[in-house]
């Protein structure tokens, strides 16, 4: 089994209107999405109404070394890898910073304050003054992204998305993190 090192940063979409309040499982739909970087290109998918070009995206890598970049939506992107059915896709252009290739990302509409980073990243969702933990882990063939109300897997999972990569990976998820 080959082992891929997938860096899993957080993409924070800065929008004038952050949408409905966070905190309810259903409330995360349309506010949180998945971005992937491959071959120097970033594609972002979210279950949301159309986002406009030039919407800024702040990308933060929670692992070591910590990564940070700012990007903007350039156009719709229909062929985003790992894009679930029913989501809108967008192509992003980096404005500042640098990201590693072969990267799976979180996307959160609204402003976010990073409180700590590492295995799970604690962030404060400024629009609703709520602190959550963002976590990523691998199954044998993909990446699980999840949001928790406290460090995973001790708390309640508020949001989950699975991105199939079609490659053999070393599994790092607990049963709670990978549950559908």
N, C-alpha and C. Protein backbone atom coordinates (compact mmCIF):
# COMPACT_ATOMS: atom_id res chain seq x y z
N UNK A 1 0.86 -1.18 0.00
CA UNK A 1 0.00 0.00 0.00
C UNK A 1 0.90 1.23 0.00
N UNK A 2 0.68 2.12 -0.93
CA UNK A 2 1.46 3.36 -0.95
C UNK A 2 0.85 4.36 0.01
N UNK A 3 1.69 5.18 0.57
CA UNK A 3 1.22 6.20 1.49
C UNK A 3 1.39 7.56 0.84
N UNK A 4 0.31 8.31 0.74
CA UNK A 4 0.38 9.68 0.24
C UNK A 4 0.28 10.61 1.43
N UNK A 5 1.01 11.65 1.41
CA UNK A 5 0.91 12.65 2.46
C UNK A 5 0.02 13.75 1.93
N UNK A 6 -1.22 13.77 2.37
CA UNK A 6 -2.15 14.80 1.94
C UNK A 6 -2.14 15.89 2.97
N UNK A 7 -1.78 17.08 2.58
CA UNK A 7 -1.85 18.24 3.44
C UNK A 7 -3.28 18.71 3.42
N UNK A 8 -3.84 19.01 4.57
CA UNK A 8 -5.26 19.35 4.61
C UNK A 8 -5.43 20.72 5.26
N UNK A 9 -5.26 21.79 4.47
CA UNK A 9 -5.50 23.12 4.98
C UNK A 9 -6.98 23.45 5.05
N UNK A 10 -7.26 24.59 5.58
CA UNK A 10 -8.61 25.10 5.71
C UNK A 10 -8.74 26.26 4.76
N UNK A 11 -9.75 26.28 3.94
CA UNK A 11 -10.01 27.42 3.07
C UNK A 11 -11.15 28.21 3.69
N UNK A 12 -10.92 29.47 3.94
CA UNK A 12 -11.92 30.31 4.55
C UNK A 12 -12.40 31.31 3.52
N UNK A 13 -13.65 31.23 3.12
CA UNK A 13 -14.18 32.12 2.10
C UNK A 13 -14.69 33.38 2.79
N UNK A 14 -14.15 34.52 2.40
CA UNK A 14 -14.53 35.80 2.99
C UNK A 14 -15.65 36.37 2.12
N UNK A 15 -16.85 36.42 2.66
CA UNK A 15 -18.00 36.91 1.89
C UNK A 15 -18.68 38.03 2.66
N UNK A 16 -19.29 38.94 1.94
CA UNK A 16 -19.98 40.05 2.59
C UNK A 16 -21.15 39.54 3.41
N UNK A 17 -21.87 38.54 2.93
CA UNK A 17 -22.99 37.96 3.65
C UNK A 17 -22.65 36.53 4.00
N UNK A 18 -22.37 36.21 5.29
CA UNK A 18 -21.96 34.87 5.64
C UNK A 18 -23.07 33.84 5.59
N UNK A 19 -24.32 34.23 5.36
CA UNK A 19 -25.40 33.26 5.25
C UNK A 19 -25.98 32.91 6.60
N UNK A 20 -26.73 31.79 6.69
CA UNK A 20 -27.38 31.42 7.92
C UNK A 20 -26.39 31.07 9.02
N UNK A 21 -26.86 31.06 10.24
CA UNK A 21 -26.01 30.83 11.40
C UNK A 21 -25.43 29.43 11.40
N UNK A 22 -24.21 29.30 11.91
CA UNK A 22 -23.57 28.01 12.10
C UNK A 22 -24.16 27.35 13.34
N UNK A 23 -23.83 26.09 13.54
CA UNK A 23 -24.15 25.43 14.79
C UNK A 23 -25.15 24.31 14.65
N UNK A 24 -26.03 24.38 13.70
CA UNK A 24 -26.97 23.28 13.45
C UNK A 24 -26.39 22.45 12.32
N UNK A 25 -26.52 21.11 12.42
CA UNK A 25 -25.98 20.27 11.35
C UNK A 25 -26.45 20.74 9.99
N UNK A 26 -27.73 20.96 9.84
CA UNK A 26 -28.26 21.41 8.55
C UNK A 26 -27.75 22.80 8.21
N UNK A 27 -27.43 23.61 9.21
CA UNK A 27 -26.95 24.96 8.99
C UNK A 27 -25.59 25.03 8.33
N UNK A 28 -24.81 23.93 8.37
CA UNK A 28 -23.50 23.93 7.75
C UNK A 28 -23.59 23.74 6.23
N UNK A 29 -24.69 23.18 5.74
CA UNK A 29 -24.85 23.01 4.30
C UNK A 29 -24.92 24.40 3.66
N UNK A 30 -24.12 24.62 2.64
CA UNK A 30 -24.08 25.92 1.99
C UNK A 30 -23.12 26.89 2.63
N UNK A 31 -22.52 26.51 3.74
CA UNK A 31 -21.53 27.36 4.41
C UNK A 31 -20.14 26.73 4.42
N UNK A 32 -20.10 25.42 4.32
CA UNK A 32 -18.83 24.69 4.36
C UNK A 32 -18.72 23.87 3.09
N UNK A 33 -17.55 23.87 2.49
CA UNK A 33 -17.32 23.10 1.28
C UNK A 33 -15.94 22.50 1.27
N UNK A 34 -15.55 21.96 0.13
CA UNK A 34 -14.27 21.28 -0.02
C UNK A 34 -13.52 21.91 -1.19
N UNK A 35 -12.24 22.15 -0.99
CA UNK A 35 -11.38 22.61 -2.08
C UNK A 35 -10.25 21.62 -2.23
N UNK A 36 -9.76 21.48 -3.45
CA UNK A 36 -8.63 20.60 -3.72
C UNK A 36 -7.62 21.33 -4.59
N UNK A 37 -6.35 21.12 -4.28
CA UNK A 37 -5.30 21.67 -5.14
C UNK A 37 -4.55 20.52 -5.77
N UNK A 38 -4.43 20.58 -7.09
CA UNK A 38 -3.66 19.60 -7.85
C UNK A 38 -3.06 20.32 -9.05
N UNK A 39 -1.82 20.00 -9.37
CA UNK A 39 -1.12 20.59 -10.50
C UNK A 39 -1.16 22.12 -10.46
N UNK A 40 -1.07 22.68 -9.24
CA UNK A 40 -1.03 24.12 -9.08
C UNK A 40 -2.36 24.83 -9.23
N UNK A 41 -3.45 24.08 -9.40
CA UNK A 41 -4.77 24.69 -9.57
C UNK A 41 -5.66 24.31 -8.39
N UNK A 42 -6.46 25.28 -7.93
CA UNK A 42 -7.36 25.04 -6.81
C UNK A 42 -8.79 25.08 -7.32
N UNK A 43 -9.55 24.06 -6.95
CA UNK A 43 -10.96 23.98 -7.30
C UNK A 43 -11.75 23.86 -6.00
N UNK A 44 -12.82 24.61 -5.87
CA UNK A 44 -13.60 24.70 -4.65
C UNK A 44 -15.04 24.29 -4.94
N UNK A 45 -15.59 23.38 -4.14
CA UNK A 45 -16.99 22.97 -4.32
C UNK A 45 -17.76 23.19 -3.02
N UNK A 46 -18.97 23.71 -3.16
CA UNK A 46 -19.81 24.02 -2.00
C UNK A 46 -21.27 23.89 -2.41
N UNK A 47 -22.09 23.44 -1.49
CA UNK A 47 -23.53 23.34 -1.72
C UNK A 47 -24.14 24.68 -1.35
N UNK A 48 -24.05 25.63 -2.28
CA UNK A 48 -24.45 27.00 -2.01
C UNK A 48 -24.93 27.67 -3.29
N UNK A 49 -25.65 28.74 -3.11
CA UNK A 49 -26.04 29.57 -4.26
C UNK A 49 -24.77 30.11 -4.92
N UNK A 50 -24.89 30.59 -6.12
CA UNK A 50 -23.75 31.05 -6.90
C UNK A 50 -22.94 32.11 -6.14
N UNK A 51 -21.64 31.84 -6.01
CA UNK A 51 -20.71 32.82 -5.45
C UNK A 51 -20.13 33.62 -6.61
N UNK A 52 -19.85 34.86 -6.35
CA UNK A 52 -19.39 35.77 -7.40
C UNK A 52 -17.88 35.70 -7.59
N UNK A 53 -17.41 35.93 -8.84
CA UNK A 53 -15.96 36.07 -9.04
C UNK A 53 -15.42 37.18 -8.14
N UNK A 54 -14.17 37.05 -7.78
CA UNK A 54 -13.44 37.98 -6.91
C UNK A 54 -13.82 37.85 -5.44
N UNK A 55 -14.63 36.83 -5.09
CA UNK A 55 -14.86 36.54 -3.68
C UNK A 55 -13.54 36.00 -3.14
N UNK A 56 -13.05 36.59 -2.07
CA UNK A 56 -11.75 36.20 -1.53
C UNK A 56 -11.85 34.95 -0.67
N UNK A 57 -10.82 34.13 -0.77
CA UNK A 57 -10.70 32.89 -0.02
C UNK A 57 -9.35 32.92 0.70
N UNK A 58 -9.38 32.76 2.02
CA UNK A 58 -8.14 32.65 2.78
C UNK A 58 -7.91 31.18 3.06
N UNK A 59 -6.75 30.67 2.65
CA UNK A 59 -6.43 29.25 2.81
C UNK A 59 -5.38 29.12 3.90
N UNK A 60 -5.70 28.28 4.89
CA UNK A 60 -4.81 28.12 6.04
C UNK A 60 -4.51 26.65 6.22
N UNK A 61 -3.24 26.29 6.24
CA UNK A 61 -2.82 24.91 6.46
C UNK A 61 -2.60 24.65 7.94
N UNK A 62 -3.41 23.78 8.56
CA UNK A 62 -3.33 23.58 10.00
C UNK A 62 -2.16 22.72 10.46
N UNK A 63 -1.57 21.94 9.56
CA UNK A 63 -0.50 21.03 9.97
C UNK A 63 0.83 21.74 10.08
N UNK A 64 1.85 20.94 10.28
CA UNK A 64 3.21 21.47 10.33
C UNK A 64 3.91 21.09 9.04
N UNK A 65 4.51 22.04 8.33
CA UNK A 65 4.53 23.46 8.65
C UNK A 65 3.19 24.12 8.32
N UNK A 66 2.88 25.13 9.08
CA UNK A 66 1.65 25.88 8.89
C UNK A 66 1.71 26.60 7.54
N UNK A 67 0.64 26.55 6.76
CA UNK A 67 0.57 27.21 5.45
C UNK A 67 -0.53 28.26 5.46
N UNK A 68 -0.33 29.29 4.66
CA UNK A 68 -1.36 30.31 4.54
C UNK A 68 -1.30 30.93 3.15
N UNK A 69 -2.46 31.21 2.58
CA UNK A 69 -2.53 31.87 1.28
C UNK A 69 -3.88 32.57 1.17
N UNK A 70 -3.94 33.55 0.29
CA UNK A 70 -5.20 34.21 -0.04
C UNK A 70 -5.47 33.93 -1.51
N UNK A 71 -6.72 33.62 -1.83
CA UNK A 71 -7.10 33.34 -3.21
C UNK A 71 -8.43 34.02 -3.48
N UNK A 72 -8.83 34.03 -4.75
CA UNK A 72 -10.13 34.57 -5.11
C UNK A 72 -10.78 33.66 -6.13
N UNK A 73 -12.10 33.65 -6.13
CA UNK A 73 -12.85 32.90 -7.12
C UNK A 73 -12.68 33.60 -8.46
N UNK A 74 -12.32 32.82 -9.50
CA UNK A 74 -12.17 33.41 -10.83
C UNK A 74 -13.34 33.07 -11.74
N UNK A 75 -13.90 31.85 -11.61
CA UNK A 75 -15.00 31.44 -12.48
C UNK A 75 -15.59 30.14 -11.96
N UNK A 76 -16.75 29.77 -12.47
CA UNK A 76 -17.30 28.45 -12.13
C UNK A 76 -16.36 27.35 -12.63
N UNK A 77 -16.32 26.23 -11.92
CA UNK A 77 -15.48 25.10 -12.31
C UNK A 77 -16.27 23.81 -12.23
N UNK A 78 -16.72 23.32 -13.37
CA UNK A 78 -17.60 22.15 -13.38
C UNK A 78 -16.88 20.84 -13.13
N UNK A 79 -15.59 20.77 -13.34
CA UNK A 79 -14.88 19.50 -13.22
C UNK A 79 -13.95 19.47 -12.03
N UNK A 80 -14.42 19.87 -10.87
CA UNK A 80 -13.60 19.83 -9.67
C UNK A 80 -13.45 18.38 -9.23
N UNK A 81 -12.22 17.90 -8.97
CA UNK A 81 -12.05 16.53 -8.51
C UNK A 81 -12.75 16.34 -7.16
N UNK A 82 -13.39 15.20 -6.97
CA UNK A 82 -14.04 14.89 -5.70
C UNK A 82 -15.29 15.69 -5.43
N UNK A 83 -15.80 16.40 -6.43
CA UNK A 83 -16.97 17.27 -6.23
C UNK A 83 -18.23 16.42 -6.09
N UNK A 84 -18.90 16.49 -4.92
CA UNK A 84 -20.12 15.71 -4.75
C UNK A 84 -21.26 16.22 -5.62
N UNK A 85 -22.21 15.36 -5.98
CA UNK A 85 -23.36 15.80 -6.77
C UNK A 85 -24.13 16.90 -6.04
N UNK A 86 -24.66 17.84 -6.80
CA UNK A 86 -25.46 18.91 -6.21
C UNK A 86 -24.68 20.08 -5.66
N UNK A 87 -23.36 20.07 -5.82
CA UNK A 87 -22.56 21.20 -5.34
C UNK A 87 -22.12 22.06 -6.51
N UNK A 88 -21.88 23.33 -6.22
CA UNK A 88 -21.36 24.26 -7.22
C UNK A 88 -19.84 24.25 -7.13
N UNK A 89 -19.17 24.27 -8.28
CA UNK A 89 -17.72 24.28 -8.31
C UNK A 89 -17.19 25.62 -8.78
N UNK A 90 -16.02 25.99 -8.25
CA UNK A 90 -15.38 27.27 -8.60
C UNK A 90 -13.89 27.06 -8.74
N UNK A 91 -13.29 27.75 -9.68
CA UNK A 91 -11.84 27.80 -9.82
C UNK A 91 -11.33 28.98 -9.00
N UNK A 92 -10.19 28.78 -8.31
CA UNK A 92 -9.59 29.83 -7.49
C UNK A 92 -8.23 30.20 -8.05
N UNK A 93 -7.84 31.45 -7.82
CA UNK A 93 -6.52 31.95 -8.19
C UNK A 93 -5.85 32.47 -6.94
N UNK A 94 -4.64 31.98 -6.68
CA UNK A 94 -3.88 32.44 -5.51
C UNK A 94 -3.47 33.89 -5.71
N UNK A 95 -3.65 34.70 -4.68
CA UNK A 95 -3.25 36.10 -4.71
C UNK A 95 -1.94 36.27 -3.94
N UNK A 96 -1.87 35.67 -2.77
CA UNK A 96 -0.65 35.71 -1.96
C UNK A 96 -0.43 34.34 -1.34
N UNK A 97 0.79 34.05 -0.93
CA UNK A 97 1.11 32.80 -0.24
C UNK A 97 1.41 31.66 -1.20
N UNK A 98 1.59 30.48 -0.61
CA UNK A 98 1.95 29.29 -1.38
C UNK A 98 1.27 28.08 -0.75
N UNK A 99 0.75 27.18 -1.60
CA UNK A 99 0.15 25.93 -1.14
C UNK A 99 0.83 24.77 -1.83
N UNK A 100 0.91 23.66 -1.14
CA UNK A 100 1.46 22.44 -1.71
C UNK A 100 0.41 21.78 -2.61
N UNK A 101 0.88 21.08 -3.64
CA UNK A 101 -0.02 20.31 -4.51
C UNK A 101 -0.56 19.09 -3.77
N UNK A 102 -1.59 18.47 -4.36
CA UNK A 102 -2.25 17.29 -3.80
C UNK A 102 -2.77 17.59 -2.40
N UNK A 103 -3.60 18.60 -2.36
CA UNK A 103 -4.10 19.10 -1.09
C UNK A 103 -5.61 19.11 -1.06
N UNK A 104 -6.20 18.60 0.02
CA UNK A 104 -7.64 18.66 0.25
C UNK A 104 -7.88 19.73 1.31
N UNK A 105 -8.87 20.61 1.07
CA UNK A 105 -9.07 21.80 1.92
C UNK A 105 -10.49 21.88 2.45
N UNK A 106 -10.67 22.55 3.59
CA UNK A 106 -11.99 22.95 4.07
C UNK A 106 -12.31 24.33 3.47
N UNK A 107 -13.58 24.63 3.27
CA UNK A 107 -14.00 25.96 2.87
C UNK A 107 -15.14 26.41 3.76
N UNK A 108 -14.99 27.57 4.40
CA UNK A 108 -16.01 28.08 5.32
C UNK A 108 -16.36 29.51 4.94
N UNK A 109 -17.65 29.75 4.63
CA UNK A 109 -18.07 31.11 4.32
C UNK A 109 -18.06 31.95 5.59
N UNK A 110 -17.59 33.18 5.48
CA UNK A 110 -17.52 34.08 6.63
C UNK A 110 -16.10 34.16 7.17
N UNK A 111 -15.93 34.94 8.21
CA UNK A 111 -14.59 35.12 8.78
C UNK A 111 -14.35 34.09 9.87
N UNK A 112 -13.08 33.68 9.99
CA UNK A 112 -12.67 32.66 10.94
C UNK A 112 -11.39 33.11 11.61
N UNK A 113 -11.30 32.92 12.91
CA UNK A 113 -10.09 33.20 13.67
C UNK A 113 -9.48 31.86 14.06
N UNK A 114 -8.24 31.59 13.63
CA UNK A 114 -7.56 30.35 13.99
C UNK A 114 -7.02 30.49 15.41
N UNK A 115 -7.45 29.59 16.31
CA UNK A 115 -7.03 29.62 17.71
C UNK A 115 -5.83 28.72 17.96
N UNK A 116 -5.81 27.58 17.30
CA UNK A 116 -4.67 26.66 17.40
C UNK A 116 -4.70 25.76 16.18
N UNK A 117 -3.55 25.21 15.84
CA UNK A 117 -3.51 24.31 14.70
C UNK A 117 -2.62 23.13 15.01
N UNK A 118 -2.81 22.07 14.27
CA UNK A 118 -2.09 20.82 14.47
C UNK A 118 -2.95 19.70 13.94
N UNK A 119 -3.09 18.63 14.71
CA UNK A 119 -3.87 17.47 14.28
C UNK A 119 -5.33 17.84 14.05
N UNK A 120 -5.91 18.60 14.93
CA UNK A 120 -7.24 19.19 14.76
C UNK A 120 -7.06 20.68 14.95
N UNK A 121 -7.73 21.50 14.17
CA UNK A 121 -7.53 22.94 14.23
C UNK A 121 -8.74 23.60 14.87
N UNK A 122 -8.52 24.29 15.97
CA UNK A 122 -9.61 25.01 16.63
C UNK A 122 -9.75 26.37 15.97
N UNK A 123 -10.97 26.69 15.55
CA UNK A 123 -11.25 27.98 14.93
C UNK A 123 -12.47 28.59 15.59
N UNK A 124 -12.52 29.91 15.56
CA UNK A 124 -13.68 30.64 16.06
C UNK A 124 -14.40 31.22 14.85
N UNK A 125 -15.67 30.84 14.70
CA UNK A 125 -16.49 31.37 13.62
C UNK A 125 -17.01 32.72 14.08
N UNK A 126 -16.40 33.78 13.62
CA UNK A 126 -16.68 35.12 14.14
C UNK A 126 -18.12 35.56 13.96
N UNK A 127 -18.77 35.12 12.88
CA UNK A 127 -20.14 35.56 12.61
C UNK A 127 -21.10 35.16 13.72
N UNK A 128 -20.82 34.03 14.38
CA UNK A 128 -21.73 33.56 15.43
C UNK A 128 -21.01 33.34 16.75
N UNK A 129 -19.75 33.72 16.83
CA UNK A 129 -18.96 33.58 18.05
C UNK A 129 -18.97 32.14 18.55
N UNK A 130 -18.75 31.19 17.65
CA UNK A 130 -18.73 29.77 17.99
C UNK A 130 -17.36 29.19 17.69
N UNK A 131 -16.80 28.44 18.63
CA UNK A 131 -15.52 27.78 18.43
C UNK A 131 -15.79 26.32 18.06
N UNK A 132 -15.15 25.84 17.00
CA UNK A 132 -15.29 24.46 16.54
C UNK A 132 -13.89 23.92 16.22
N UNK A 133 -13.82 22.60 16.06
CA UNK A 133 -12.57 21.95 15.67
C UNK A 133 -12.71 21.36 14.29
N UNK A 134 -11.80 21.70 13.40
CA UNK A 134 -11.75 21.15 12.05
C UNK A 134 -10.76 20.00 12.05
N UNK A 135 -11.15 18.88 11.47
CA UNK A 135 -10.31 17.69 11.51
C UNK A 135 -10.32 17.00 10.15
N UNK A 136 -9.19 16.49 9.75
CA UNK A 136 -9.11 15.68 8.56
C UNK A 136 -8.36 14.40 8.89
N UNK A 137 -8.73 13.33 8.21
CA UNK A 137 -8.06 12.05 8.38
C UNK A 137 -8.26 11.24 7.11
N UNK A 138 -7.53 10.15 6.98
CA UNK A 138 -7.63 9.33 5.78
C UNK A 138 -8.27 7.99 6.09
N UNK A 139 -9.03 7.49 5.11
CA UNK A 139 -9.47 6.10 5.11
C UNK A 139 -8.55 5.38 4.13
N UNK A 140 -8.87 4.17 3.74
CA UNK A 140 -7.96 3.43 2.86
C UNK A 140 -7.95 3.96 1.43
N UNK A 141 -8.95 4.84 1.06
CA UNK A 141 -8.97 5.34 -0.32
C UNK A 141 -9.43 6.78 -0.46
N UNK A 142 -9.45 7.53 0.64
CA UNK A 142 -9.88 8.92 0.54
C UNK A 142 -9.66 9.69 1.82
N UNK A 143 -10.14 10.94 1.82
CA UNK A 143 -9.97 11.86 2.95
C UNK A 143 -11.34 12.19 3.54
N UNK A 144 -11.44 12.15 4.86
CA UNK A 144 -12.64 12.57 5.58
C UNK A 144 -12.36 13.93 6.20
N UNK A 145 -13.21 14.90 5.92
CA UNK A 145 -13.15 16.22 6.54
C UNK A 145 -14.33 16.31 7.49
N UNK A 146 -14.10 16.80 8.71
CA UNK A 146 -15.20 16.90 9.66
C UNK A 146 -15.02 18.11 10.55
N UNK A 147 -16.16 18.60 11.06
CA UNK A 147 -16.18 19.72 11.99
C UNK A 147 -16.85 19.23 13.26
N UNK A 148 -16.24 19.53 14.40
CA UNK A 148 -16.68 19.04 15.72
C UNK A 148 -16.91 20.21 16.66
N UNK A 149 -17.77 20.01 17.65
CA UNK A 149 -17.99 21.07 18.64
C UNK A 149 -16.93 21.07 19.72
N UNK A 150 -16.02 20.10 19.72
CA UNK A 150 -14.85 20.03 20.59
C UNK A 150 -13.84 19.12 19.90
N UNK A 151 -12.64 18.94 20.46
CA UNK A 151 -11.66 18.10 19.75
C UNK A 151 -12.23 16.72 19.38
N UNK A 152 -11.97 16.31 18.13
CA UNK A 152 -12.48 15.03 17.62
C UNK A 152 -11.71 13.88 18.26
N UNK A 153 -12.32 12.74 18.45
CA UNK A 153 -13.73 12.45 18.26
C UNK A 153 -14.53 12.53 19.56
N UNK A 154 -14.07 13.31 20.52
CA UNK A 154 -14.74 13.38 21.83
C UNK A 154 -16.08 14.11 21.78
N UNK A 155 -16.19 15.09 20.92
CA UNK A 155 -17.41 15.90 20.88
C UNK A 155 -18.41 15.39 19.86
N UNK A 156 -19.35 16.26 19.54
CA UNK A 156 -20.37 15.94 18.53
C UNK A 156 -19.88 16.41 17.17
N UNK A 157 -20.04 15.56 16.17
CA UNK A 157 -19.67 15.93 14.81
C UNK A 157 -20.78 16.77 14.22
N UNK A 158 -20.42 17.97 13.73
CA UNK A 158 -21.40 18.91 13.19
C UNK A 158 -21.49 18.88 11.67
N UNK A 159 -20.43 18.43 11.01
CA UNK A 159 -20.38 18.41 9.54
C UNK A 159 -19.37 17.36 9.11
N UNK A 160 -19.62 16.70 7.96
CA UNK A 160 -18.71 15.68 7.45
C UNK A 160 -18.77 15.66 5.93
N UNK A 161 -17.64 15.48 5.30
CA UNK A 161 -17.57 15.28 3.86
C UNK A 161 -16.46 14.28 3.57
N UNK A 162 -16.72 13.34 2.69
CA UNK A 162 -15.73 12.35 2.27
C UNK A 162 -15.30 12.67 0.84
N UNK A 163 -14.00 12.67 0.59
CA UNK A 163 -13.45 12.91 -0.75
C UNK A 163 -12.70 11.66 -1.18
N UNK A 164 -13.27 10.97 -2.16
CA UNK A 164 -12.66 9.75 -2.69
C UNK A 164 -11.47 10.11 -3.56
N UNK A 165 -10.31 9.50 -3.28
CA UNK A 165 -9.11 9.79 -4.06
C UNK A 165 -8.74 8.66 -5.00
N UNK A 166 -9.31 7.48 -4.78
CA UNK A 166 -9.03 6.35 -5.65
C UNK A 166 -7.60 5.85 -5.56
N UNK A 167 -6.97 6.02 -4.40
CA UNK A 167 -5.60 5.56 -4.20
C UNK A 167 -5.54 4.82 -2.87
N UNK A 168 -4.59 3.90 -2.74
CA UNK A 168 -4.40 3.21 -1.48
C UNK A 168 -3.69 4.13 -0.50
N UNK A 169 -4.32 4.33 0.65
CA UNK A 169 -3.77 5.21 1.70
C UNK A 169 -3.71 4.44 3.01
N UNK A 170 -2.88 4.89 3.92
CA UNK A 170 -2.88 4.36 5.27
C UNK A 170 -3.99 5.05 6.04
N UNK A 171 -4.90 4.28 6.61
CA UNK A 171 -6.04 4.84 7.34
C UNK A 171 -5.60 5.47 8.64
N UNK A 172 -6.10 6.68 8.92
CA UNK A 172 -5.79 7.38 10.18
C UNK A 172 -7.04 7.78 10.93
N UNK A 173 -8.24 7.52 10.36
CA UNK A 173 -9.50 7.93 10.98
C UNK A 173 -9.93 6.98 12.08
N UNK A 174 -10.56 7.54 13.10
CA UNK A 174 -11.26 6.72 14.08
C UNK A 174 -12.61 6.35 13.48
N UNK A 175 -13.32 5.43 14.12
CA UNK A 175 -14.65 5.03 13.63
C UNK A 175 -15.60 6.23 13.62
N UNK A 176 -15.53 7.09 14.62
CA UNK A 176 -16.42 8.26 14.69
C UNK A 176 -16.12 9.24 13.57
N UNK A 177 -14.85 9.40 13.20
CA UNK A 177 -14.48 10.35 12.16
C UNK A 177 -14.89 9.89 10.76
N UNK A 178 -14.91 8.59 10.53
CA UNK A 178 -15.21 8.08 9.18
C UNK A 178 -16.65 7.61 9.01
N UNK A 179 -17.45 7.66 10.06
CA UNK A 179 -18.85 7.21 9.96
C UNK A 179 -19.61 8.11 9.00
N UNK A 180 -20.44 7.49 8.18
CA UNK A 180 -21.28 8.27 7.26
C UNK A 180 -22.46 8.71 8.00
